Amino acid sequence: MAKSDFTKRLKDLPVNRYIDAVLFIFLLVFPSMSGKYWIYVMTGIMAYMIFALSLDLLWGYTGLMSMGHSLLFGAGGYMVGICSAYMNGADWITFAHLPWFLAPLSSPAGAFAMALIVPGLISLFIGFFMFSGRIQGVFFSLITMAMSGVAELFIINQSKYTHGNSGISLTARTIISNNMADHMDDTSFYYTVFVFLVLVYLLCLFIVNARLGKVLQAVRENENRLTFFGYKTSAFKLLIYMISGVLAGLAGVLYARTQGSINSSSAGIELSTVVLVWVAVGGRGNLTGAMTGTLLLQVAETLLNSMFSGISADFAQYWRLVQGIIILIIVFFIPKGIVGELISLQQRKRDYLRKEAILRKEAEDHA
């Protein structure tokens, strides 16, 4: 009986949970199937997948389309970047001591903590003023986009601490260290980022399946009705924005450590729009779509880049055109995204089978 119940539970799972299982198994065995270059590429993609998950909590489940989410991603990356440059005495550093507001960056552990706290505080600051002022919809999107643009200019102008357009190089590929003795090889660091991805996914899954997740989805569907029932929706939106900010900051840390550098574009508008495309293509509001869309588009970009590198040195322009075509196809033909459409197909099939079963039972009762 227990075995049949377990089998029934497996059959009742939504299709995206099967995709999740396949995706994580694929990522788990990937290093054994590929070379050093692709392990490095996939490590960066997994950091981006965490970034996409953080946006999906905000956009997919709460309906808040942030067009400046890279501000939080870049903030996390720059915390560890400044720490690395200061502790290793980068040649562009002109100050003897960090100012008081950057004092925790004098240690790797403090920098890692700041990489999570600062994006959370930025989210708190932005969210408090916008949600208390009942700013939502397209106005929320435009303001966050403007904030991302301002952040990029701020980073360039504060070259004393950020090295301006040149960005910051990180010396050691570790999580909480700037010592080359602790430098991880590609495979070890890959599995470290993989563990972070799994933990973030489980955290997001817990949030969306808990009461908080149900309230967030209600905010997305009909915020006015929820307010009528006595819920303070601004508090829920502020909370999820902060959680999303912390996760985006974590993604920024992992990506900066993977790449060995961080620059102003990591906080700019371009990355903010690109992550929206990843989530939209995969399908928002189910977590799986955020990860799947990021993986598919990033792998496609890498493969196409290698294919066309000998033809054109400026592949980025053409890739943006390809992305534009992809997003138009998604909007017009599969607006729910790839995974969202698969979930809808599964639900329609189940509804059809349920209806057939009811009609069959009614026929047997009349017979």
Protein backbone atom coordinates (compact mmCIF):
# COMPACT_ATOMS: atom_id res chain seq x y z
CA MET A 1 0.00 0.00 0.00
CA ALA A 2 2.84 2.35 0.92
CA LYS A 3 4.54 1.65 -2.39
CA SER A 4 1.37 2.41 -4.37
CA ASP A 5 0.88 5.66 -2.40
CA PHE A 6 4.45 6.67 -3.23
CA THR A 7 3.90 5.86 -6.91
CA LYS A 8 0.70 7.90 -6.90
CA ARG A 9 2.51 10.85 -5.33
CA LEU A 10 5.18 10.67 -8.02
CA LYS A 11 2.52 10.66 -10.74
CA ASP A 12 0.81 13.66 -9.14
CA LEU A 13 3.98 15.75 -9.17
CA PRO A 14 3.95 18.66 -11.64
CA VAL A 15 6.18 18.18 -14.65
CA ASN A 16 8.56 20.92 -13.53
CA ARG A 17 9.62 18.84 -10.53
CA TYR A 18 10.77 16.09 -12.91
CA ILE A 19 12.67 18.72 -14.88
CA ASP A 20 14.28 19.91 -11.63
CA ALA A 21 15.45 16.37 -10.85
CA VAL A 22 16.90 15.89 -14.34
CA LEU A 23 18.55 19.30 -14.22
CA PHE A 24 20.27 18.70 -10.88
CA ILE A 25 21.38 15.19 -11.86
CA PHE A 26 22.81 16.62 -15.08
CA LEU A 27 24.70 19.32 -13.17
CA LEU A 28 25.92 16.76 -10.63
CA VAL A 29 27.57 14.53 -13.23
CA PHE A 30 28.54 17.30 -15.66
CA PRO A 31 32.22 17.62 -14.60
CA SER A 32 32.79 13.94 -15.36
CA MET A 33 31.51 14.46 -18.93
CA SER A 34 33.29 17.67 -19.88
CA GLY A 35 36.61 19.45 -19.97
CA LYS A 36 38.08 22.27 -17.93
CA TYR A 37 36.65 25.07 -20.09
CA TRP A 38 33.04 23.89 -19.88
CA ILE A 39 33.33 23.28 -16.13
CA TYR A 40 34.38 26.91 -15.79
CA VAL A 41 31.51 28.09 -18.04
CA MET A 42 28.90 25.99 -16.23
CA THR A 43 30.07 27.29 -12.84
CA GLY A 44 29.30 30.83 -13.99
CA ILE A 45 25.96 29.70 -15.39
CA MET A 46 25.00 28.17 -12.03
CA ALA A 47 25.75 31.52 -10.34
CA TYR A 48 23.47 33.16 -12.91
CA MET A 49 20.80 30.53 -12.15
CA ILE A 50 20.79 31.65 -8.51
CA PHE A 51 20.42 35.23 -9.76
CA ALA A 52 17.45 34.19 -11.94
CA LEU A 53 15.83 32.37 -8.99
CA SER A 54 16.07 35.55 -6.91
CA LEU A 55 14.26 37.48 -9.66
CA ASP A 56 11.62 34.77 -10.06
CA LEU A 57 10.65 35.14 -6.40
CA LEU A 58 10.06 38.83 -7.02
CA TRP A 59 8.62 38.82 -10.56
CA GLY A 60 7.20 35.35 -11.05
CA TYR A 61 5.53 34.92 -7.67
CA THR A 62 4.88 38.50 -6.55
CA GLY A 63 4.36 40.22 -9.89
CA LEU A 64 7.06 42.85 -9.29
CA MET A 65 9.11 43.12 -12.48
CA SER A 66 12.42 44.60 -11.38
CA MET A 67 14.36 46.01 -14.33
CA GLY A 68 17.27 46.91 -12.09
CA HIS A 69 17.94 43.65 -10.29
CA SER A 70 21.60 43.67 -11.34
CA LEU A 71 22.14 46.52 -8.86
CA LEU A 72 21.85 43.92 -6.08
CA PHE A 73 23.94 41.37 -7.99
CA GLY A 74 26.72 43.91 -8.54
CA ALA A 75 26.61 45.11 -4.94
CA GLY A 76 27.37 41.59 -3.72
CA GLY A 77 30.20 41.12 -6.19
CA TYR A 78 31.81 44.46 -5.39
CA MET A 79 31.91 43.74 -1.67
CA VAL A 80 34.23 40.77 -2.15
CA GLY A 81 36.03 42.56 -4.98
CA ILE A 82 37.00 45.58 -2.86
CA CYS A 83 38.02 43.25 -0.03
CA SER A 84 40.27 41.23 -2.33
CA ALA A 85 41.91 44.33 -3.82
CA TYR A 86 42.51 45.90 -0.39
CA MET A 87 43.86 42.78 1.32
CA ASN A 88 46.15 41.88 -1.57
CA GLY A 89 47.42 45.44 -2.07
CA ALA A 90 46.29 46.04 -5.66
CA ASP A 91 48.49 48.58 -7.42
CA TRP A 92 45.57 50.99 -7.95
CA ILE A 93 44.73 51.22 -4.23
CA THR A 94 45.71 54.71 -3.03
CA PHE A 95 44.25 54.67 0.51
CA ALA A 96 45.87 53.19 3.59
CA HIS A 97 42.67 52.28 5.42
CA LEU A 98 39.09 51.57 4.42
CA PRO A 99 36.50 54.16 5.48
CA TRP A 100 34.25 53.24 8.41
CA PHE A 101 31.33 52.21 6.22
CA LEU A 102 33.57 49.71 4.39
CA ALA A 103 35.51 48.58 7.47
CA PRO A 104 34.04 45.03 7.47
CA LEU A 105 35.69 44.51 4.06
CA SER A 106 39.07 44.27 5.79
CA SER A 107 38.39 40.55 6.31
CA PRO A 108 37.06 37.92 3.86
CA ALA A 109 34.37 36.77 6.29
CA GLY A 110 33.23 40.35 6.83
CA ALA A 111 33.16 40.91 3.06
CA PHE A 112 31.02 37.81 2.51
CA ALA A 113 28.59 38.97 5.19
CA MET A 114 28.49 42.45 3.66
CA ALA A 115 27.84 40.92 0.24
CA LEU A 116 24.58 39.56 1.62
CA ILE A 117 23.68 42.41 3.97
CA VAL A 118 24.28 45.35 1.61
CA PRO A 119 21.98 44.10 -1.19
CA GLY A 120 19.38 43.32 1.47
CA LEU A 121 19.65 46.85 2.87
CA ILE A 122 19.48 48.37 -0.62
CA SER A 123 16.30 46.36 -1.24
CA LEU A 124 14.92 47.51 2.11
CA PHE A 125 15.66 51.15 1.31
CA ILE A 126 14.23 51.09 -2.23
CA GLY A 127 11.29 48.90 -1.30
CA PHE A 128 10.28 50.93 1.75
CA PHE A 129 9.83 54.13 -0.20
CA MET A 130 8.20 52.51 -3.22
CA PHE A 131 5.82 50.15 -1.42
CA SER A 132 4.80 52.66 1.23
CA GLY A 133 4.14 55.08 -1.62
CA ARG A 134 2.05 52.39 -3.39
CA ILE A 135 4.30 52.46 -6.45
CA GLN A 136 3.72 49.35 -8.54
CA GLY A 137 3.45 48.04 -12.07
CA VAL A 138 5.39 49.80 -14.80
CA PHE A 139 6.45 52.59 -12.42
CA PHE A 140 8.20 50.07 -10.16
CA SER A 141 9.99 48.63 -13.21
CA LEU A 142 11.11 52.02 -14.50
CA ILE A 143 12.37 53.23 -11.11
CA THR A 144 14.39 50.06 -10.52
CA MET A 145 15.86 50.37 -14.03
CA ALA A 146 16.86 53.97 -13.28
CA MET A 147 18.45 52.86 -10.01
CA SER A 148 20.53 50.29 -11.88
CA GLY A 149 21.73 52.95 -14.33
CA VAL A 150 22.64 55.26 -11.46
CA ALA A 151 24.51 52.43 -9.72
CA GLU A 152 26.59 51.75 -12.83
CA LEU A 153 27.57 55.43 -13.07
CA PHE A 154 28.27 55.55 -9.33
CA ILE A 155 30.65 52.60 -9.58
CA ILE A 156 32.50 54.23 -12.50
CA ASN A 157 32.79 57.55 -10.66
CA GLN A 158 33.96 56.03 -7.38
CA SER A 159 37.15 54.69 -8.98
CA LYS A 160 39.07 55.19 -5.73
CA TYR A 161 37.30 52.13 -4.33
CA THR A 162 35.99 50.38 -7.46
CA HIS A 163 38.76 50.95 -10.04
CA GLY A 164 36.19 52.55 -12.34
CA ASN A 165 35.62 51.02 -15.79
CA SER A 166 38.56 48.66 -15.39
CA GLY A 167 36.84 46.70 -12.64
CA ILE A 168 38.47 44.66 -9.88
CA SER A 169 40.40 41.42 -10.21
CA LEU A 170 39.96 38.77 -7.53
CA THR A 171 43.05 36.72 -6.82
CA ALA A 172 41.71 33.52 -5.26
CA ARG A 173 38.84 31.29 -6.36
CA THR A 174 37.37 30.61 -2.94
CA ILE A 175 34.23 31.57 -1.04
CA ILE A 176 35.62 33.13 2.13
CA SER A 177 39.32 33.75 1.56
CA ASN A 178 41.68 35.92 -0.45
CA ASN A 179 44.67 33.66 0.09
CA MET A 180 46.02 31.85 -2.98
CA ALA A 181 46.86 28.90 -0.72
CA ASP A 182 43.09 28.31 -0.42
CA HIS A 183 42.53 28.55 -4.19
CA MET A 184 40.17 25.80 -5.40
CA ASP A 185 40.59 23.90 -8.63
CA ASP A 186 37.81 24.16 -11.24
CA THR A 187 35.97 20.99 -10.21
CA SER A 188 36.06 21.73 -6.47
CA PHE A 189 34.74 25.24 -6.99
CA TYR A 190 32.11 23.92 -9.43
CA TYR A 191 30.68 21.63 -6.75
CA THR A 192 30.82 24.42 -4.16
CA VAL A 193 28.65 26.62 -6.39
CA PHE A 194 26.44 23.60 -7.15
CA VAL A 195 25.78 23.13 -3.42
CA PHE A 196 24.84 26.81 -3.11
CA LEU A 197 22.47 26.44 -6.08
CA VAL A 198 20.73 23.43 -4.52
CA LEU A 199 20.40 25.18 -1.15
CA VAL A 200 18.99 28.36 -2.74
CA TYR A 201 16.56 26.28 -4.79
CA LEU A 202 15.36 24.44 -1.67
CA LEU A 203 14.98 27.74 0.19
CA CYS A 204 12.94 29.21 -2.67
CA LEU A 205 10.83 26.05 -2.86
CA PHE A 206 10.15 26.28 0.87
CA ILE A 207 9.16 29.95 0.58
CA VAL A 208 6.76 29.49 -2.34
CA ASN A 209 5.07 26.46 -0.77
CA ALA A 210 4.73 28.09 2.65
CA ARG A 211 2.00 30.54 3.66
CA LEU A 212 4.26 33.40 2.59
CA GLY A 213 4.36 32.03 -0.96
CA LYS A 214 0.56 31.79 -1.13
CA VAL A 215 0.23 35.39 0.04
CA LEU A 216 2.78 36.52 -2.56
CA GLN A 217 0.84 34.81 -5.33
CA ALA A 218 -2.33 36.47 -4.05
CA VAL A 219 -0.53 39.84 -4.23
CA ARG A 220 0.35 39.07 -7.82
CA GLU A 221 -3.19 38.06 -8.77
CA ASN A 222 -5.24 40.69 -6.92
CA GLU A 223 -3.49 42.94 -4.42
CA ASN A 224 -6.56 45.11 -3.80
CA ARG A 225 -8.65 42.14 -2.72
CA LEU A 226 -5.92 40.96 -0.38
CA THR A 227 -5.76 44.44 1.17
CA PHE A 228 -9.54 44.30 1.64
CA PHE A 229 -9.10 41.13 3.72
CA GLY A 230 -6.77 42.98 6.08
CA TYR A 231 -3.34 41.98 4.77
CA LYS A 232 -0.60 44.62 4.79
CA THR A 233 0.69 43.79 1.33
CA SER A 234 3.53 46.34 1.45
CA ALA A 235 5.14 44.37 4.31
CA PHE A 236 5.03 41.11 2.34
CA LYS A 237 6.44 42.77 -0.76
CA LEU A 238 9.21 44.39 1.25
CA LEU A 239 10.11 41.07 2.87
CA ILE A 240 10.35 39.18 -0.43
CA TYR A 241 12.29 42.05 -2.01
CA MET A 242 14.86 41.81 0.80
CA ILE A 243 15.13 38.03 0.47
CA SER A 244 15.48 38.41 -3.28
CA GLY A 245 18.19 41.04 -2.76
CA VAL A 246 20.21 38.80 -0.44
CA LEU A 247 20.06 35.92 -2.95
CA ALA A 248 21.05 38.24 -5.79
CA GLY A 249 24.02 39.41 -3.72
CA LEU A 250 25.06 35.80 -3.13
CA ALA A 251 24.87 35.17 -6.88
CA GLY A 252 27.09 38.21 -7.43
CA VAL A 253 29.70 36.84 -5.02
CA LEU A 254 29.77 33.42 -6.68
CA TYR A 255 29.95 34.90 -10.17
CA ALA A 256 32.76 37.31 -9.24
CA ARG A 257 34.72 34.46 -7.66
CA THR A 258 34.13 32.29 -10.74
CA GLN A 259 35.17 34.96 -13.24
CA GLY A 260 38.00 36.28 -11.10
CA SER A 261 36.75 39.83 -11.66
CA ILE A 262 33.84 42.23 -11.23
CA ASN A 263 33.10 45.40 -13.22
CA SER A 264 30.46 48.11 -13.54
CA SER A 265 28.41 46.20 -16.16
CA SER A 266 27.56 43.65 -13.46
CA ALA A 267 25.37 46.31 -11.84
CA GLY A 268 24.12 47.86 -15.07
CA ILE A 269 20.92 47.88 -17.09
CA GLU A 270 22.07 45.33 -19.68
CA LEU A 271 22.39 42.47 -17.19
CA SER A 272 19.07 43.49 -15.61
CA THR A 273 17.29 43.09 -18.95
CA VAL A 274 19.12 39.87 -19.82
CA VAL A 275 18.00 38.12 -16.62
CA LEU A 276 14.40 39.12 -17.42
CA VAL A 277 14.79 37.34 -20.77
CA TRP A 278 16.13 34.19 -19.06
CA VAL A 279 13.17 34.03 -16.70
CA ALA A 280 10.61 34.87 -19.41
CA VAL A 281 11.95 32.21 -21.80
CA GLY A 282 12.01 29.48 -19.16
CA GLY A 283 8.71 30.53 -17.63
CA ARG A 284 8.18 32.59 -14.51
CA GLY A 285 6.39 31.61 -11.35
CA ASN A 286 7.62 28.01 -11.04
CA LEU A 287 11.38 28.30 -10.19
CA THR A 288 12.23 25.63 -12.78
CA GLY A 289 11.72 28.07 -15.63
CA ALA A 290 14.22 30.54 -14.19
CA MET A 291 16.94 27.89 -14.03
CA THR A 292 16.06 26.26 -17.36
CA GLY A 293 15.89 29.53 -19.29
CA THR A 294 19.22 30.67 -17.87
CA LEU A 295 20.90 27.37 -18.71
CA LEU A 296 19.53 27.15 -22.26
CA LEU A 297 20.30 30.73 -23.26
CA GLN A 298 23.72 30.86 -21.64
CA VAL A 299 24.79 27.58 -23.23
CA ALA A 300 23.41 28.77 -26.58
CA GLU A 301 25.32 32.06 -26.27
CA THR A 302 28.57 30.23 -25.45
CA LEU A 303 28.19 27.76 -28.34
CA LEU A 304 27.26 30.46 -30.85
CA ASN A 305 30.08 32.66 -29.63
CA SER A 306 32.59 29.90 -30.30
CA MET A 307 31.03 29.18 -33.71
CA PHE A 308 31.04 32.79 -34.92
CA SER A 309 34.18 34.05 -33.19
CA GLY A 310 36.17 33.50 -36.37
CA ILE A 311 33.59 35.34 -38.50
CA SER A 312 32.84 38.40 -36.39
CA ALA A 313 34.73 39.91 -33.48
CA ASP A 314 31.60 41.70 -32.30
CA PHE A 315 29.33 38.72 -31.69
CA ALA A 316 27.51 40.48 -28.81
CA GLN A 317 25.54 42.69 -31.20
CA TYR A 318 24.21 39.71 -33.13
CA TRP A 319 23.44 37.75 -29.97
CA ARG A 320 21.30 40.60 -28.68
CA LEU A 321 19.38 40.43 -31.96
CA VAL A 322 18.90 36.69 -31.49
CA GLN A 323 17.69 37.29 -27.93
CA GLY A 324 15.21 39.87 -29.20
CA ILE A 325 13.81 37.37 -31.72
CA ILE A 326 13.58 34.69 -29.01
CA ILE A 327 11.67 36.94 -26.62
CA LEU A 328 9.23 37.94 -29.39
CA ILE A 329 8.56 34.27 -30.17
CA ILE A 330 8.00 33.56 -26.47
CA VAL A 331 5.64 36.53 -26.01
CA PHE A 332 3.50 35.73 -29.06
CA PHE A 333 3.49 31.91 -29.10
CA ILE A 334 4.32 30.63 -25.59
CA PRO A 335 3.76 33.55 -23.18
CA LYS A 336 4.01 31.21 -20.18
CA GLY A 337 7.55 30.24 -21.19
CA ILE A 338 8.86 26.78 -22.00
CA VAL A 339 8.33 25.21 -18.58
CA GLY A 340 5.10 27.12 -17.99
CA GLU A 341 3.68 25.74 -21.22
CA LEU A 342 4.66 22.18 -20.25
CA ILE A 343 2.91 22.62 -16.89
CA SER A 344 -0.23 23.87 -18.68
CA LEU A 345 -0.17 20.91 -21.09
CA GLN A 346 0.13 18.48 -18.17
CA GLN A 347 -2.76 20.16 -16.36
CA ARG A 348 -4.97 20.04 -19.46
CA LYS A 349 -4.21 16.36 -19.89
CA ARG A 350 -5.06 15.63 -16.27
CA ASP A 351 -8.30 17.60 -16.54
CA TYR A 352 -9.23 15.63 -19.66
CA LEU A 353 -8.49 12.26 -17.99
CA ARG A 354 -10.44 13.32 -14.90
CA LYS A 355 -13.42 14.31 -17.02
CA GLU A 356 -13.24 10.99 -18.91
CA ALA A 357 -13.15 9.08 -15.62
CA ILE A 358 -16.23 10.94 -14.32
CA LEU A 359 -18.16 10.28 -17.55
CA ARG A 360 -17.15 6.61 -17.49
CA LYS A 361 -18.30 6.25 -13.89
CA GLU A 362 -21.62 7.93 -14.66
CA ALA A 363 -22.14 5.57 -17.61
CA GLU A 364 -21.42 2.54 -15.41
CA ASP A 365 -23.86 3.80 -12.73
CA HIS A 366 -26.63 4.17 -15.32
CA ALA A 367 -25.93 0.76 -16.84
